[in-house]
Amino acid sequence: MSLRFKATVLLSFAVTMPSIIEFSNGYLSITSLLERLLVTLVVAFVAVGVLSAIIAAYRIENIQRDHIRADTREPRDRDPS
């Protein structure tokens, strides 16, 4: 399993935890619980996708910046000894 999938499921269960507790106490039906779980899964999937896209963009930007810095550096003078 990918880290993105694990983060999505974990976030979804964390957000749905109050509803799971209400269901276990008998205050919520199974259909309402599953609807809430489905909605949180979709929202968490989108949120984790957006977050991973932002992280990837910063990573690419930093790699490009490092390549530009490496290309503009002058070689160091070595000691003759």
N, C-alpha and C. Protein backbone atom coordinates (compact mmCIF):
# COMPACT_ATOMS: atom_id res chain seq x y z
N MET A 1 0.83 -1.18 0.00
CA MET A 1 0.00 0.00 0.00
C MET A 1 0.87 1.25 0.00
N SER A 2 0.39 2.23 -0.70
CA SER A 2 1.16 3.46 -0.76
C SER A 2 0.91 4.32 0.47
N LEU A 3 1.84 5.19 0.72
CA LEU A 3 1.72 6.10 1.85
C LEU A 3 0.53 7.04 1.68
N ARG A 4 0.27 7.42 0.44
CA ARG A 4 -0.87 8.31 0.17
C ARG A 4 -2.19 7.64 0.54
N PHE A 5 -2.35 6.38 0.19
CA PHE A 5 -3.57 5.64 0.53
C PHE A 5 -3.72 5.48 2.03
N LYS A 6 -2.62 5.14 2.70
CA LYS A 6 -2.67 4.99 4.16
C LYS A 6 -3.03 6.30 4.85
N ALA A 7 -2.48 7.41 4.37
CA ALA A 7 -2.79 8.71 4.95
C ALA A 7 -4.25 9.06 4.73
N THR A 8 -4.78 8.73 3.56
CA THR A 8 -6.18 9.01 3.27
C THR A 8 -7.11 8.24 4.19
N VAL A 9 -6.86 6.96 4.36
CA VAL A 9 -7.72 6.13 5.22
C VAL A 9 -7.58 6.55 6.67
N LEU A 10 -6.38 6.82 7.13
CA LEU A 10 -6.17 7.25 8.51
C LEU A 10 -6.86 8.58 8.80
N LEU A 11 -6.73 9.52 7.90
CA LEU A 11 -7.38 10.82 8.06
C LEU A 11 -8.90 10.67 8.07
N SER A 12 -9.40 9.82 7.20
CA SER A 12 -10.83 9.60 7.13
C SER A 12 -11.38 8.99 8.42
N PHE A 13 -10.70 7.98 8.94
CA PHE A 13 -11.15 7.38 10.19
C PHE A 13 -11.02 8.34 11.36
N ALA A 14 -9.99 9.16 11.35
CA ALA A 14 -9.83 10.12 12.44
C ALA A 14 -10.96 11.15 12.45
N VAL A 15 -11.38 11.58 11.27
CA VAL A 15 -12.46 12.56 11.19
C VAL A 15 -13.80 11.91 11.52
N THR A 16 -13.97 10.64 11.17
CA THR A 16 -15.23 9.95 11.38
C THR A 16 -15.34 9.33 12.78
N MET A 17 -14.31 9.40 13.58
CA MET A 17 -14.31 8.76 14.90
C MET A 17 -15.49 9.16 15.78
N PRO A 18 -15.88 10.44 15.87
CA PRO A 18 -17.06 10.76 16.68
C PRO A 18 -18.33 10.05 16.20
N SER A 19 -18.48 9.90 14.89
CA SER A 19 -19.64 9.18 14.36
C SER A 19 -19.56 7.69 14.68
N ILE A 20 -18.37 7.13 14.68
CA ILE A 20 -18.21 5.72 15.03
C ILE A 20 -18.59 5.50 16.49
N ILE A 21 -18.22 6.43 17.34
CA ILE A 21 -18.57 6.34 18.76
C ILE A 21 -20.09 6.46 18.94
N GLU A 22 -20.72 7.39 18.20
CA GLU A 22 -22.17 7.52 18.27
C GLU A 22 -22.86 6.25 17.79
N PHE A 23 -22.32 5.62 16.74
CA PHE A 23 -22.89 4.37 16.24
C PHE A 23 -22.75 3.26 17.28
N SER A 24 -21.60 3.19 17.94
CA SER A 24 -21.41 2.13 18.94
C SER A 24 -22.30 2.32 20.16
N ASN A 25 -22.70 3.57 20.43
CA ASN A 25 -23.62 3.84 21.54
C ASN A 25 -25.08 3.71 21.14
N GLY A 26 -25.36 3.49 19.86
CA GLY A 26 -26.72 3.29 19.40
C GLY A 26 -27.45 4.54 18.99
N TYR A 27 -26.75 5.66 18.86
CA TYR A 27 -27.39 6.92 18.50
C TYR A 27 -27.37 7.19 17.00
N LEU A 28 -26.73 6.35 16.21
CA LEU A 28 -26.57 6.60 14.79
C LEU A 28 -26.78 5.29 14.03
N SER A 29 -27.45 5.35 12.89
CA SER A 29 -27.68 4.15 12.10
C SER A 29 -26.44 3.83 11.25
N ILE A 30 -26.39 2.60 10.77
CA ILE A 30 -25.24 2.16 9.98
C ILE A 30 -25.19 2.91 8.65
N THR A 31 -26.35 3.22 8.06
CA THR A 31 -26.34 3.93 6.79
C THR A 31 -25.78 5.34 6.94
N SER A 32 -26.14 6.01 8.03
CA SER A 32 -25.60 7.36 8.27
C SER A 32 -24.10 7.30 8.50
N LEU A 33 -23.66 6.30 9.24
CA LEU A 33 -22.22 6.15 9.48
C LEU A 33 -21.47 5.92 8.19
N LEU A 34 -21.98 5.04 7.34
CA LEU A 34 -21.30 4.74 6.08
C LEU A 34 -21.33 5.93 5.13
N GLU A 35 -22.41 6.71 5.14
CA GLU A 35 -22.46 7.92 4.32
C GLU A 35 -21.38 8.91 4.77
N ARG A 36 -21.28 9.10 6.06
CA ARG A 36 -20.27 10.02 6.59
C ARG A 36 -18.86 9.52 6.28
N LEU A 37 -18.66 8.23 6.40
CA LEU A 37 -17.35 7.64 6.09
C LEU A 37 -17.00 7.82 4.62
N LEU A 38 -17.98 7.63 3.74
CA LEU A 38 -17.74 7.80 2.31
C LEU A 38 -17.40 9.24 1.98
N VAL A 39 -18.13 10.17 2.56
CA VAL A 39 -17.86 11.59 2.31
C VAL A 39 -16.46 11.96 2.80
N THR A 40 -16.09 11.50 3.99
CA THR A 40 -14.76 11.82 4.50
C THR A 40 -13.66 11.15 3.69
N LEU A 41 -13.93 9.96 3.16
CA LEU A 41 -12.94 9.31 2.30
C LEU A 41 -12.70 10.14 1.03
N VAL A 42 -13.76 10.63 0.43
CA VAL A 42 -13.62 11.43 -0.79
C VAL A 42 -12.88 12.73 -0.49
N VAL A 43 -13.28 13.41 0.58
CA VAL A 43 -12.64 14.68 0.93
C VAL A 43 -11.17 14.46 1.29
N ALA A 44 -10.89 13.41 2.05
CA ALA A 44 -9.50 13.12 2.44
C ALA A 44 -8.67 12.74 1.21
N PHE A 45 -9.26 12.01 0.26
CA PHE A 45 -8.55 11.63 -0.96
C PHE A 45 -8.14 12.88 -1.75
N VAL A 46 -9.08 13.82 -1.87
CA VAL A 46 -8.79 15.06 -2.60
C VAL A 46 -7.75 15.88 -1.84
N ALA A 47 -7.91 16.00 -0.53
CA ALA A 47 -6.98 16.80 0.28
C ALA A 47 -5.56 16.24 0.23
N VAL A 48 -5.42 14.93 0.36
CA VAL A 48 -4.09 14.31 0.32
C VAL A 48 -3.51 14.44 -1.09
N GLY A 49 -4.33 14.36 -2.11
CA GLY A 49 -3.85 14.54 -3.48
C GLY A 49 -3.33 15.94 -3.73
N VAL A 50 -4.06 16.94 -3.24
CA VAL A 50 -3.62 18.33 -3.39
C VAL A 50 -2.32 18.56 -2.61
N LEU A 51 -2.27 18.04 -1.40
CA LEU A 51 -1.06 18.20 -0.59
C LEU A 51 0.14 17.53 -1.23
N SER A 52 -0.04 16.34 -1.79
CA SER A 52 1.09 15.67 -2.43
C SER A 52 1.52 16.39 -3.70
N ALA A 53 0.58 17.02 -4.40
CA ALA A 53 0.94 17.80 -5.59
C ALA A 53 1.75 19.03 -5.20
N ILE A 54 1.37 19.68 -4.12
CA ILE A 54 2.12 20.85 -3.64
C ILE A 54 3.53 20.44 -3.22
N ILE A 55 3.65 19.34 -2.50
CA ILE A 55 4.96 18.86 -2.07
C ILE A 55 5.82 18.50 -3.27
N ALA A 56 5.22 17.85 -4.27
CA ALA A 56 5.98 17.49 -5.48
C ALA A 56 6.45 18.73 -6.22
N ALA A 57 5.62 19.75 -6.28
CA ALA A 57 6.02 20.99 -6.97
C ALA A 57 7.20 21.65 -6.26
N TYR A 58 7.16 21.71 -4.93
CA TYR A 58 8.28 22.28 -4.19
C TYR A 58 9.54 21.44 -4.37
N ARG A 59 9.38 20.12 -4.40
CA ARG A 59 10.54 19.24 -4.58
C ARG A 59 11.18 19.48 -5.94
N ILE A 60 10.36 19.58 -6.98
CA ILE A 60 10.89 19.83 -8.33
C ILE A 60 11.57 21.19 -8.38
N GLU A 61 10.95 22.18 -7.75
CA GLU A 61 11.54 23.52 -7.74
C GLU A 61 12.89 23.52 -7.04
N ASN A 62 13.01 22.81 -5.93
CA ASN A 62 14.28 22.75 -5.21
C ASN A 62 15.34 22.00 -5.99
N ILE A 63 14.95 20.94 -6.68
CA ILE A 63 15.92 20.20 -7.51
C ILE A 63 16.43 21.09 -8.64
N GLN A 64 15.52 21.82 -9.28
CA GLN A 64 15.95 22.73 -10.35
C GLN A 64 16.85 23.82 -9.82
N ARG A 65 16.54 24.36 -8.66
CA ARG A 65 17.35 25.42 -8.07
C ARG A 65 18.74 24.88 -7.74
N ASP A 66 18.82 23.65 -7.22
CA ASP A 66 20.12 23.06 -6.91
C ASP A 66 20.95 22.83 -8.18
N HIS A 67 20.31 22.43 -9.26
CA HIS A 67 21.03 22.23 -10.52
C HIS A 67 21.55 23.56 -11.06
N ILE A 68 20.76 24.60 -10.93
CA ILE A 68 21.20 25.91 -11.39
C ILE A 68 22.38 26.39 -10.56
N ARG A 69 22.31 26.21 -9.25
CA ARG A 69 23.42 26.62 -8.39
C ARG A 69 24.68 25.80 -8.69
N ALA A 70 24.50 24.52 -8.96
CA ALA A 70 25.67 23.67 -9.25
C ALA A 70 26.31 24.07 -10.57
N ASP A 71 25.51 24.50 -11.53
CA ASP A 71 26.05 24.89 -12.82
C ASP A 71 26.78 26.23 -12.76
N THR A 72 26.37 27.11 -11.86
CA THR A 72 26.97 28.44 -11.81
C THR A 72 28.18 28.51 -10.89
N ARG A 73 28.42 27.47 -10.11
CA ARG A 73 29.59 27.49 -9.22
C ARG A 73 30.87 27.32 -10.00
N GLU A 74 31.89 27.98 -9.50
CA GLU A 74 33.21 27.80 -10.10
C GLU A 74 33.90 26.64 -9.40
N PRO A 75 34.67 25.87 -10.12
CA PRO A 75 35.37 24.76 -9.47
C PRO A 75 36.35 25.27 -8.41
N ARG A 76 36.44 24.56 -7.35
CA ARG A 76 37.35 24.95 -6.25
C ARG A 76 38.79 24.68 -6.63
N ASP A 77 39.63 25.55 -6.17
CA ASP A 77 41.06 25.34 -6.39
C ASP A 77 41.55 24.29 -5.43
N ARG A 78 42.28 23.32 -5.95
CA ARG A 78 42.80 22.27 -5.08
C ARG A 78 44.21 22.60 -4.65
N ASP A 79 44.53 22.14 -3.46
CA ASP A 79 45.91 22.31 -2.98
C ASP A 79 46.85 21.42 -3.77
N PRO A 80 48.03 21.94 -4.11
CA PRO A 80 48.97 21.13 -4.89
C PRO A 80 49.60 19.99 -4.08
N SER A 81 49.42 19.98 -2.78
CA SER A 81 50.06 18.94 -1.98
C SER A 81 49.31 17.66 -1.94
